[in-house]
Protein backbone atom coordinates (compact mmCIF):
# COMPACT_ATOMS: atom_id res chain seq x y z
CA MET A 1 46.02 48.62 26.81
CA GLU A 2 42.92 48.14 28.94
CA ILE A 3 39.52 48.80 27.42
CA PHE A 4 37.09 50.19 30.02
CA GLU A 5 33.55 48.97 30.52
CA PRO A 6 30.67 51.50 30.26
CA ALA A 7 30.48 54.07 33.08
CA LEU A 8 27.33 52.49 34.55
CA LEU A 9 29.47 49.42 35.35
CA CYS A 10 32.82 50.82 36.42
CA VAL A 11 31.86 54.25 37.94
CA THR A 12 30.72 54.34 41.55
CA VAL A 13 29.58 57.18 43.81
CA PRO A 14 30.83 56.44 47.34
CA ASN A 15 28.58 59.11 48.90
CA ARG A 16 25.11 58.08 47.78
CA ALA A 17 23.76 61.54 48.59
CA TYR A 18 25.39 62.81 45.38
CA ILE A 19 24.33 59.89 43.16
CA ASP A 20 21.26 61.63 41.61
CA ALA A 21 23.25 64.79 40.84
CA VAL A 22 26.20 62.83 39.36
CA GLU A 23 24.00 60.71 37.08
CA ALA A 24 22.21 63.90 35.88
CA CYS A 25 25.59 65.11 34.52
CA PHE A 26 25.74 62.23 31.99
CA GLY A 27 24.05 62.18 28.63
CA GLY A 28 21.88 59.25 27.51
CA SER A 29 24.60 57.27 25.71
CA GLN A 30 27.61 58.33 27.82
CA LEU A 31 26.76 55.87 30.60
CA ARG A 32 26.75 53.04 28.01
CA THR A 33 29.90 53.92 26.06
CA ILE A 34 32.91 51.55 25.93
CA VAL A 35 36.14 53.54 26.18
CA ALA A 36 39.46 52.58 24.52
CA GLN A 37 42.84 54.13 25.45
CA CYS A 38 44.58 53.71 22.08
CA GLU A 39 43.70 53.85 18.38
CA GLU A 40 44.56 50.16 17.74
CA ASP A 41 42.21 48.88 20.46
CA TYR A 42 39.48 51.24 19.24
CA GLN A 43 39.74 49.95 15.65
CA LEU A 44 39.95 46.29 16.76
CA LEU A 45 36.88 46.69 19.01
CA ASN A 46 34.80 48.18 16.18
CA ARG A 47 35.95 45.55 13.69
CA LEU A 48 35.17 42.57 15.95
CA CYS A 49 31.88 43.75 17.42
CA VAL A 50 30.38 46.41 15.14
CA ASP A 51 31.59 45.83 11.58
CA THR A 52 31.71 41.97 11.59
CA PRO A 53 30.04 39.12 13.56
CA GLU A 54 33.46 37.68 14.39
CA ALA A 55 33.32 38.30 18.16
CA ILE A 56 29.76 37.37 19.22
CA GLY A 57 28.37 35.68 16.10
CA ARG A 58 26.44 38.74 14.89
CA LYS A 59 26.96 42.44 14.37
CA ALA A 60 26.21 44.59 17.43
CA ARG A 61 25.23 48.24 17.86
CA ILE A 62 27.41 49.59 20.69
CA ASN A 63 28.83 53.03 21.61
CA THR A 64 32.63 53.24 21.48
CA TRP A 65 34.91 56.21 22.22
CA PHE A 66 38.55 57.11 21.87
CA LYS A 67 40.45 60.40 21.88
CA PRO A 68 44.19 60.83 22.53
CA ALA A 69 44.63 61.98 26.12
CA ASP A 70 45.77 65.60 26.42
CA TYR A 71 44.60 67.34 29.62
CA ASN A 72 46.18 70.63 28.49
CA ARG A 73 43.52 70.92 25.79
CA LEU A 74 40.61 70.62 28.27
CA PRO A 75 38.70 73.84 29.12
CA PRO A 76 39.48 74.77 32.76
CA PRO A 77 36.87 74.61 35.56
CA PRO A 78 34.74 77.77 36.00
CA ALA A 79 36.33 78.48 39.41
CA SER A 80 38.94 77.19 41.75
CA ALA A 81 38.03 74.91 44.65
CA GLU A 82 38.25 77.78 47.17
CA GLN A 83 36.09 80.09 45.03
CA LEU A 84 33.60 77.25 44.49
CA ARG A 85 33.20 76.62 48.21
CA ALA A 86 32.94 80.35 48.81
CA ILE A 87 29.90 80.47 46.51
CA GLY A 88 28.38 77.54 48.46
CA PHE A 89 29.04 74.54 46.16
CA ASP A 90 30.27 71.24 47.60
CA GLY A 91 32.63 70.54 44.67
CA TYR A 92 32.75 69.35 41.04
CA ALA A 93 31.07 66.08 39.93
CA ILE A 94 34.45 64.48 39.19
CA ASP A 95 35.28 64.82 42.91
CA PHE A 96 32.38 62.58 44.01
CA ILE A 97 33.04 59.47 41.86
CA ASP A 98 35.42 56.53 42.07
CA CYS A 99 36.57 55.02 38.72
CA PRO A 100 39.70 53.68 36.94
CA GLU A 101 42.30 56.38 36.34
CA GLY A 102 42.26 55.93 32.57
CA LEU A 103 38.48 56.52 32.43
CA LYS A 104 38.76 60.07 33.91
CA TRP A 105 39.97 61.41 30.52
CA PHE A 106 36.64 60.34 28.98
CA LEU A 107 34.61 61.77 31.93
CA CYS A 108 36.35 65.14 31.66
CA SER A 109 36.63 65.36 27.87
CA ASP A 110 33.20 64.10 26.89
CA ALA A 111 30.96 64.37 30.00
CA ARG A 112 32.63 67.58 31.37
CA LEU A 113 32.37 66.35 34.95
CA HIS A 114 35.37 68.53 35.94
CA ARG A 115 33.29 71.68 35.04
CA THR A 116 29.93 70.67 36.61
CA ALA A 117 29.56 71.99 40.18
CA ILE A 118 27.22 70.33 42.68
CA ALA A 119 25.57 71.71 45.85
CA LEU A 120 23.12 69.58 47.78
CA ASN A 121 21.90 72.44 50.01
CA PRO A 122 20.10 75.07 47.91
CA GLN A 123 20.11 77.56 50.79
CA ALA A 124 23.92 77.65 50.91
CA VAL A 125 24.34 78.85 47.29
CA ASP A 126 23.92 82.38 46.01
CA PRO A 127 22.12 81.95 42.67
CA ASN A 128 23.37 85.22 41.25
CA ARG A 129 27.02 84.57 42.04
CA ALA A 130 26.65 80.98 40.68
CA MET A 131 25.22 82.27 37.37
CA GLU A 132 27.87 84.97 37.17
CA MET A 133 30.59 82.31 37.68
CA ALA A 134 29.18 80.16 34.86
CA ALA A 135 28.77 83.17 32.55
CA GLN A 136 32.35 84.36 33.08
CA ALA A 137 33.57 80.85 32.13
CA GLY A 138 31.72 81.11 28.80
CA GLY A 139 28.91 78.81 29.90
CA ALA A 140 28.72 75.87 32.29
CA ASN A 141 26.35 73.48 34.09
CA TYR A 142 25.83 73.22 37.83
CA VAL A 143 23.40 71.44 40.15
CA ILE A 144 21.75 73.11 43.13
CA GLY A 145 19.63 70.73 45.18
CA ASN A 146 17.62 68.77 42.63
CA VAL A 147 17.73 71.37 39.82
CA MET A 148 20.14 71.24 36.87
CA ASN A 149 21.17 74.73 35.61
CA GLN A 150 22.57 75.17 32.09
CA VAL A 151 24.07 78.68 31.59
CA ASN A 152 24.91 79.93 28.07
CA ARG A 153 25.49 83.35 26.55
CA SER A 154 23.16 84.69 23.89
CA LYS A 155 24.56 84.52 20.36
CA TYR A 156 23.07 87.87 19.39
CA GLY A 157 23.03 91.42 20.74
CA LYS A 158 24.82 92.03 24.03
CA ARG A 159 25.44 88.30 24.53
CA LEU A 160 23.75 88.31 27.89
CA PRO A 161 23.83 85.07 29.97
CA GLN A 162 20.81 82.73 29.78
CA ASN A 163 19.97 80.04 32.37
CA THR A 164 17.93 76.91 31.51
CA THR A 165 16.81 74.78 34.43
CA ARG A 166 15.31 71.32 34.74
CA GLU A 167 14.56 69.05 37.66
CA ILE A 168 16.84 66.06 37.93
CA GLN A 169 15.40 62.54 38.30
CA ARG A 170 16.37 59.86 40.73
CA ALA A 171 19.38 57.82 39.63
CA ARG A 172 18.46 54.63 37.75
CA SER A 173 21.79 53.38 36.36
CA LEU A 174 24.26 54.43 39.04
CA GLY A 175 21.69 53.78 41.75
CA ALA A 176 22.15 50.04 41.51
CA ALA A 177 24.25 48.17 44.08
CA MET A 178 27.69 49.71 44.13
CA VAL A 179 30.82 47.63 43.47
CA ASP A 180 33.12 47.25 46.46
CA GLN A 181 36.32 48.72 45.05
CA GLN A 182 38.47 47.19 47.76
CA LEU A 183 37.04 43.76 47.01
CA LYS A 184 37.46 44.43 43.30
CA ARG A 185 41.15 45.32 43.79
CA GLU A 186 41.68 42.17 45.86
CA LEU A 187 40.05 40.04 43.18
CA GLN A 188 42.14 41.69 40.48
CA MET A 189 45.31 40.96 42.50
CA LYS A 190 44.22 37.32 42.88
CA LEU A 191 43.51 37.18 39.13
CA ALA A 192 46.99 38.54 38.38
CA ASP A 193 48.55 35.94 40.70
CA ALA A 194 46.52 33.20 39.05
CA GLN A 195 47.62 34.34 35.58
CA THR A 196 51.26 34.35 36.75
CA ASN A 197 50.86 30.82 38.11
CA LEU A 198 49.16 29.80 34.85
CA ARG A 199 52.11 31.06 32.80
CA ALA A 200 54.52 29.17 35.09
CA VAL A 201 52.46 25.98 34.71
CA GLN A 202 52.38 26.44 30.94
CA GLU A 203 56.15 26.83 30.82
CA GLU A 204 56.54 23.70 32.95
CA GLU A 205 54.07 21.90 30.66
CA GLN A 206 56.18 22.83 27.63
CA GLU A 207 59.31 21.46 29.34
CA LEU A 208 57.50 18.24 30.27
CA SER A 209 56.12 17.96 26.73
CA ALA A 210 59.64 18.16 25.28
CA GLU A 211 60.82 15.54 27.77
CA ASP A 212 57.80 13.35 26.86
CA LYS A 213 58.69 13.56 23.17
CA GLU A 214 62.22 12.36 23.97
CA ILE A 215 60.80 9.47 26.03
CA GLN A 216 58.38 8.59 23.21
CA ALA A 217 61.23 8.52 20.70
CA ALA A 218 63.28 6.26 22.99
CA GLY A 219 60.21 4.03 23.49
CA ARG A 220 59.80 3.68 19.71
CA GLU A 221 63.47 2.67 19.40
CA TYR A 222 63.09 0.08 22.19
CA ARG A 223 59.87 -1.20 20.57
CA ALA A 224 61.63 -1.60 17.20
CA ALA A 225 64.44 -3.54 18.85
CA HIS A 226 61.87 -5.70 20.68
CA ASP A 227 60.05 -6.41 17.40
CA LYS A 228 63.32 -7.54 15.81
CA LEU A 229 63.99 -9.88 18.72
CA GLU A 230 60.44 -11.25 18.48
CA ALA A 231 60.94 -11.87 14.75
CA ARG A 232 64.17 -13.78 15.43
CA LYS A 233 62.40 -15.74 18.18
CA ARG A 234 59.56 -16.71 15.81
CA ALA A 235 62.10 -17.75 13.15
CA VAL A 236 63.90 -19.98 15.68
CA LEU A 237 60.59 -21.54 16.82
CA ASP A 238 59.53 -22.15 13.21
CA ALA A 239 62.88 -23.83 12.50
CA GLN A 240 62.51 -25.97 15.62
CA LYS A 241 58.98 -27.04 14.61
CA LYS A 242 60.19 -27.87 11.10
CA PHE A 243 63.06 -29.92 12.56
CA GLU A 244 60.65 -31.85 14.79
CA SER A 245 58.28 -32.44 11.84
CA LEU A 246 61.15 -33.75 9.71
CA GLY A 247 62.14 -36.08 12.55
CA LEU A 248 58.60 -37.50 12.68
CA SER A 249 58.56 -37.93 8.90
CA LEU A 250 61.91 -39.71 9.08
CA ARG A 251 60.64 -42.12 11.70
CA ARG A 252 57.48 -42.85 9.64
CA GLU A 253 59.54 -43.52 6.54
CA GLU A 254 61.88 -45.79 8.51
CA ALA A 255 58.85 -47.72 9.82
CA LYS A 256 57.50 -48.08 6.24
CA LEU A 257 60.93 -49.28 5.08
CA ALA A 258 61.04 -51.91 7.85
CA GLN A 259 57.50 -53.00 6.96
CA LEU A 260 58.42 -53.36 3.30
CA ARG A 261 61.49 -55.37 4.19
CA ASP A 262 59.38 -57.70 6.36
CA ALA A 263 56.59 -57.98 3.73
CA PRO A 264 55.93 -61.35 1.98
CA PRO A 265 57.09 -61.99 -1.64
CA ALA A 266 55.34 -60.22 -4.51
CA ASP A 267 53.55 -63.32 -5.89
CA VAL A 268 52.07 -64.09 -2.49
CA GLU A 269 50.92 -60.50 -2.14
CA ARG A 270 49.53 -60.59 -5.70
CA ASN A 271 47.49 -63.73 -4.95
CA SER A 272 46.20 -62.22 -1.73
CA ILE A 273 45.10 -59.02 -3.50
CA LYS A 274 43.51 -61.08 -6.28
CA GLN A 275 41.55 -63.09 -3.73
CA LYS A 276 40.35 -59.88 -2.09
CA LEU A 277 39.27 -58.53 -5.49
CA LEU A 278 37.31 -61.74 -6.22
CA THR A 279 35.60 -61.49 -2.85
CA ILE A 280 34.71 -57.82 -3.40
CA THR A 281 33.49 -58.58 -6.96
CA SER A 282 31.26 -61.40 -5.68
CA LYS A 283 29.76 -59.06 -3.12
CA ARG A 284 29.18 -56.40 -5.80
CA VAL A 285 27.41 -58.99 -8.03
CA ASP A 286 25.16 -59.95 -5.13
CA CYS A 287 24.41 -56.29 -4.50
CA ILE A 288 23.61 -55.71 -8.19
CA ARG A 289 21.23 -58.68 -8.24
CA ALA A 290 19.52 -57.44 -5.12
CA TYR A 291 19.32 -53.98 -6.70
CA VAL A 292 17.74 -55.45 -9.87
CA ASP A 293 15.16 -57.34 -7.79
CA LEU A 294 14.38 -54.15 -5.88
CA MET A 295 14.02 -52.22 -9.14
CA ARG A 296 11.57 -54.79 -10.50
CA ALA A 297 9.59 -54.68 -7.29
CA ALA A 298 9.71 -50.89 -7.41
CA ILE A 299 8.41 -50.91 -11.00
CA LYS A 300 5.48 -53.09 -9.97
CA GLU A 301 4.84 -50.86 -6.97
CA GLN A 302 5.07 -47.82 -9.22
CA GLU A 303 2.58 -49.38 -11.64
CA GLY A 304 0.24 -50.13 -8.75
CA ALA A 305 0.66 -46.60 -7.41
CA ALA A 306 0.06 -45.12 -10.88
CA ARG A 307 -3.00 -47.31 -11.36
CA ALA A 308 -4.32 -46.34 -7.93
CA GLY A 309 -3.63 -42.68 -8.67
CA LEU A 310 -5.39 -42.91 -12.04
CA GLU A 311 -8.32 -44.73 -10.49
CA TYR A 312 -8.47 -42.02 -7.85
CA LEU A 313 -8.37 -39.32 -10.51
CA GLN A 314 -11.02 -41.14 -12.54
CA VAL A 315 -13.23 -41.56 -9.50
CA SER A 316 -12.70 -37.89 -8.60
CA ALA A 317 -13.51 -36.80 -12.14
CA ASN A 318 -16.54 -39.09 -12.21
CA LYS A 319 -17.59 -37.68 -8.86
CA VAL A 320 -17.25 -34.09 -10.07
CA ALA A 321 -19.07 -34.91 -13.32
CA LEU A 322 -21.73 -36.85 -11.44
CA GLU A 323 -22.23 -34.01 -8.97
CA SER A 324 -22.52 -31.58 -11.85
CA MET A 325 -24.93 -33.88 -13.70
CA CYS A 326 -26.93 -34.45 -10.54
CA LYS A 327 -27.16 -30.72 -9.98
CA GLU A 328 -28.18 -30.15 -13.59
CA GLN A 329 -30.69 -33.00 -13.44
CA ALA A 330 -32.04 -31.66 -10.15
CA ASP A 331 -32.40 -28.25 -11.75
CA ALA A 332 -34.01 -29.84 -14.83
CA ILE A 333 -36.33 -31.90 -12.61
CA ALA A 334 -37.27 -28.78 -10.67
CA LYS A 335 -37.95 -26.92 -13.91
CA ALA A 336 -39.83 -29.94 -15.30
CA HIS A 337 -41.81 -30.15 -12.09
CA ASP A 338 -42.72 -26.48 -12.42
CA VAL A 339 -43.61 -27.03 -16.08
CA ALA A 340 -45.62 -30.14 -15.17
CA ALA A 341 -47.46 -28.24 -12.46
CA GLU A 342 -48.22 -25.46 -14.91
CA ILE A 343 -49.28 -27.98 -17.58
CA THR A 344 -51.45 -29.75 -15.01
CA VAL A 345 -53.14 -26.49 -14.14
CA ARG A 346 -53.60 -25.62 -17.79
CA PHE A 347 -54.75 -29.20 -18.50
CA ASP A 348 -57.35 -28.97 -15.77
CA GLN A 349 -58.47 -25.63 -17.16
CA ALA A 350 -58.54 -27.08 -20.70
CA LYS A 351 -60.34 -30.19 -19.42
CA LYS A 352 -62.93 -28.04 -17.73
CA ILE A 353 -63.33 -25.92 -20.85
CA SER A 354 -63.44 -29.09 -22.98
CA LYS A 355 -66.22 -30.49 -20.84
CA GLN A 356 -68.09 -27.23 -21.24
CA LYS A 357 -67.45 -27.26 -24.97
CA LEU A 358 -68.43 -30.95 -25.12
CA ALA A 359 -71.71 -30.20 -23.41
CA ILE A 360 -72.31 -27.31 -25.79
CA SER A 361 -71.36 -29.48 -28.80
CA LYS A 362 -73.71 -32.21 -27.62
CA GLU A 363 -76.45 -29.66 -27.27
CA LYS A 364 -75.67 -28.28 -30.72
CA LEU A 365 -75.44 -31.82 -32.10
CA ALA A 366 -78.81 -32.61 -30.62
CA GLU A 367 -80.18 -29.52 -32.29
CA ALA A 368 -78.60 -30.45 -35.65
CA ASP A 369 -80.52 -32.34 -38.30
CA ASP A 370 -80.31 -36.12 -38.61
CA ASP A 371 -77.93 -36.15 -41.61
CA LEU A 372 -75.29 -33.99 -39.92
CA ARG A 373 -75.59 -35.96 -36.69
CA ASP A 374 -75.14 -39.24 -38.53
CA GLU A 375 -72.04 -37.91 -40.36
CA PHE A 376 -70.40 -36.79 -37.08
CA THR A 377 -71.16 -40.13 -35.45
CA GLN A 378 -69.56 -42.00 -38.38
CA MET A 379 -66.40 -39.85 -38.18
CA GLU A 380 -66.17 -40.39 -34.44
CA GLN A 381 -66.58 -44.15 -34.74
CA ALA A 382 -64.02 -44.30 -37.55
CA GLY A 383 -61.46 -42.49 -35.35
CA GLU A 384 -60.99 -39.67 -37.79
CA LEU A 385 -61.38 -37.05 -35.05
CA ALA A 386 -58.41 -38.35 -33.02
CA THR A 387 -56.09 -39.37 -35.85
CA GLN A 388 -56.10 -36.18 -37.89
CA THR A 389 -53.05 -33.89 -37.57
CA PRO A 390 -53.27 -30.12 -37.00
CA ASP A 391 -52.49 -29.50 -40.67
CA GLU A 392 -55.28 -31.87 -41.74
CA TRP A 393 -57.64 -30.14 -39.35
CA ARG A 394 -56.57 -26.74 -40.79
CA ALA A 395 -57.16 -28.02 -44.34
CA ASP A 396 -60.47 -29.47 -43.30
CA LEU A 397 -61.26 -26.19 -41.57
CA ASP A 398 -60.50 -24.21 -44.71
CA GLN A 399 -62.68 -26.55 -46.75
CA ARG A 400 -65.53 -26.32 -44.27
CA ARG A 401 -65.09 -22.51 -44.15
CA GLU A 402 -65.60 -22.45 -47.93
CA GLU A 403 -68.60 -24.76 -47.65
CA LEU A 404 -69.91 -22.57 -44.84
CA GLU A 405 -69.56 -19.48 -46.94
CA MET A 406 -71.52 -21.25 -49.63
CA ASN A 407 -74.18 -22.52 -47.26
CA MET A 408 -74.21 -19.65 -44.74
CA ALA A 409 -77.70 -18.65 -45.66
CA THR A 410 -79.12 -22.18 -45.60
CA ASN A 411 -77.67 -23.85 -42.46
CA ALA A 412 -76.66 -21.98 -39.29
CA ASN A 413 -75.75 -25.17 -37.37
CA VAL A 414 -72.82 -25.86 -39.67
CA VAL A 415 -71.25 -22.50 -38.83
CA GLU A 416 -71.50 -23.25 -35.14
CA VAL A 417 -69.85 -26.67 -35.55
CA TYR A 418 -67.12 -25.03 -37.60
CA ASN A 419 -66.36 -22.42 -34.96
CA LYS A 420 -66.21 -25.13 -32.31
CA ARG A 421 -63.76 -27.24 -34.27
CA LYS A 422 -61.66 -24.19 -35.12
CA ALA A 423 -61.33 -23.30 -31.42
CA GLU A 424 -60.28 -26.88 -30.58
CA ILE A 425 -57.69 -26.88 -33.36
CA ASP A 426 -56.25 -23.54 -32.21
CA THR A 427 -55.95 -24.84 -28.64
CA LEU A 428 -54.17 -28.01 -29.70
CA THR A 429 -51.85 -26.06 -32.02
CA ALA A 430 -50.89 -23.67 -29.20
CA LYS A 431 -50.16 -26.64 -26.91
CA ILE A 432 -47.95 -28.27 -29.55
CA GLU A 433 -46.00 -25.06 -30.15
CA ASP A 434 -45.58 -24.47 -26.40
CA HIS A 435 -44.24 -28.02 -25.94
CA GLU A 436 -41.82 -27.57 -28.83
CA GLN A 437 -40.56 -24.28 -27.31
CA ARG A 438 -40.05 -25.97 -23.93
CA ILE A 439 -38.11 -28.82 -25.55
CA THR A 440 -35.89 -26.27 -27.34
CA LYS A 441 -35.22 -24.37 -24.09
CA ILE A 442 -34.32 -27.60 -22.26
CA GLU A 443 -31.93 -28.59 -25.06
CA GLN A 444 -30.31 -25.13 -24.93
CA SER A 445 -30.00 -25.34 -21.12
CA ILE A 446 -28.34 -28.77 -21.44
CA LYS A 447 -25.92 -27.38 -24.04
CA ARG A 448 -24.99 -24.39 -21.84
CA ALA A 449 -24.39 -26.64 -18.86
CA ARG A 450 -22.23 -28.96 -20.99
CA ASP A 451 -20.23 -26.00 -22.31
CA ASN A 452 -19.48 -25.05 -18.69
CA TRP A 453 -18.12 -28.38 -17.42
CA GLN A 454 -16.89 -30.22 -20.55
CA PRO A 455 -13.90 -27.87 -21.35
CA GLU A 456 -12.76 -27.93 -17.72
CA LEU A 457 -13.05 -31.74 -17.68
CA GLU A 458 -11.04 -32.02 -20.91
CA LYS A 459 -8.39 -29.61 -19.50
CA LEU A 460 -8.12 -31.63 -16.26
CA VAL A 461 -7.90 -34.98 -18.08
CA GLY A 462 -5.36 -33.50 -20.52
CA SER A 463 -3.14 -32.28 -17.65
CA ILE A 464 -3.34 -35.69 -15.94
CA GLY A 465 -2.67 -37.40 -19.28
CA LYS A 466 0.57 -35.40 -19.81
CA LYS A 467 1.89 -36.41 -16.39
CA PHE A 468 0.75 -40.01 -16.95
CA SER A 469 2.47 -40.20 -20.37
CA ALA A 470 5.66 -38.67 -18.91
CA ALA A 471 5.65 -41.23 -16.07
CA PHE A 472 5.27 -44.12 -18.54
CA ASP A 473 7.99 -42.69 -20.79
CA ARG A 474 10.41 -42.76 -17.84
CA ILE A 475 9.86 -46.53 -17.40
CA GLY A 476 10.15 -47.26 -21.13
CA CYS A 477 6.42 -47.70 -21.82
CA ALA A 478 3.65 -45.60 -23.37
CA GLY A 479 0.43 -44.38 -21.83
CA GLU A 480 -2.49 -42.11 -22.64
CA ILE A 481 -5.75 -41.00 -20.98
CA ARG A 482 -8.84 -40.28 -23.06
CA ILE A 483 -12.46 -39.28 -22.50
CA ARG A 484 -15.02 -41.67 -23.94
CA GLU A 485 -18.09 -39.68 -25.03
CA ASP A 486 -21.60 -40.97 -25.76
CA GLU A 487 -25.06 -39.57 -26.46
CA ASP A 488 -26.10 -41.00 -23.10
CA PHE A 489 -24.19 -39.12 -20.38
CA GLU A 490 -24.33 -42.18 -18.12
CA LYS A 491 -22.08 -44.02 -20.60
CA TRP A 492 -19.34 -41.39 -20.45
CA ALA A 493 -16.03 -42.75 -19.04
CA ILE A 494 -12.27 -42.13 -18.82
CA ASP A 495 -10.21 -44.74 -20.73
CA ILE A 496 -6.59 -45.42 -19.69
CA MET A 497 -4.65 -46.63 -22.75
CA VAL A 498 -1.25 -48.31 -22.15
CA LYS A 499 1.44 -50.06 -24.20
CA PHE A 500 4.14 -52.11 -22.44
CA ARG A 501 5.97 -53.37 -25.56
CA ASP A 502 7.14 -51.67 -28.72
CA ASN A 503 5.34 -54.13 -31.02
CA GLU A 504 1.96 -53.49 -29.40
CA LYS A 505 -0.71 -50.85 -29.91
CA LEU A 506 -2.25 -48.76 -27.20
CA GLN A 507 -4.81 -50.91 -25.34
CA LEU A 508 -7.34 -50.20 -22.63
CA LEU A 509 -5.91 -50.78 -19.13
CA THR A 510 -8.19 -53.20 -17.21
CA GLY A 511 -7.87 -55.48 -14.23
CA GLU A 512 -6.60 -58.28 -16.53
CA ARG A 513 -4.29 -56.09 -18.66
CA GLN A 514 -0.88 -55.75 -16.91
CA SER A 515 2.75 -55.15 -17.87
CA GLY A 516 3.36 -58.89 -18.22
CA GLY A 517 0.50 -59.42 -20.67
CA LEU A 518 -2.94 -61.00 -20.28
CA ASP A 519 -3.43 -63.18 -17.18
């Protein structure tokens, strides 16, 4: 059975003068209630839309209503139509609406529109008679002008009638554009015709579908028969191709047979084949000889290439070593130059001081007595002053210090000479120690530089030596590369040792030493 849309969608008020009064007769949810006409539709609607999300993908909160239709159980209107017009009312609210017939049960049972009287002209209605009518009916609602009257009897005492009034508002839900019922009925008729046509088309589609299945089955049978014929055709073609191939093979074999019959005798054929073999063998011998000559030439070229490569490696190593030595020597020269400059400065200072000391010593010597001056002159002429070592001067100094201590009170000039000689000895000793320290530092610097490049040079020469030995092993000879060391770095060299025969020892490879021996 049909389920009706809410009243705000399917109820219309043809006379818009009554629309405010009619809408005032509805409660808040009654205009939005979906109405079912049977219990099954009511339960299905609640299950699909309210209890589960099956219908719209989520649960909805909607107002639904169903009650078995029984108009005999409805309370009657407060007055008949004639009595109502006599009081001045225009009619009941149910008389001013247009809706589906099945929806009127809901409007009468739940909204009580069949008991709500409406009068647009307040002057035409007698209020007392209207209230008396509603009171005699046990209570009722009615609209006069724009005022809603709700009449009830008191629950206590004499149960006198009570009237509650309120002003009605302008219609908001039913006041929207009204649905043209005539157009709606025409559209519903067209929809019914379309549904009838749809069912006819569906029935025709089912008939055509059954016929299509029969055609498809027949097509599969024809296709199977065609496939069998194609298979037989392919078998016949394969047999024909095989027959043609056998015919070609037969003709080739017949041609071979004729050739064998026309062939010369076996001994003639044997001699001919033997002659061909001798010719081919002679050519192979010539090729082998040429190959041997090429191998010998290749060996010589390989030796020359190896020698050139080794010379290149030796020159490269010498270059690297020379560059390193040059850099070290340049650094050493720069350091030596700095040391020489410093020594020159200190020498000039010492020379200047020596001249001053010499002048002082001459003055002191001139002041000394004749015996001391004669002794100093004899020592100077004998060369004892220049030939004595620092240790001898220290020993002599200690001896003179002892003599000075013994003669301190008698001769002051001796103490002065002693102090002068002691200062000279200390200066020379400091110079000797400084030179020894510089020599030690230079030797350490040379050792550090050598520790930096010598292992790398030995590693490089060792790697080249392995490849060189492997190359000589492949040609049946022996070879080795060594580093020749010497105290003088300029005499360092790379020796290439080779052995071309098993009964020889490794010998130095030179311009005269070759694989064939000494030239």
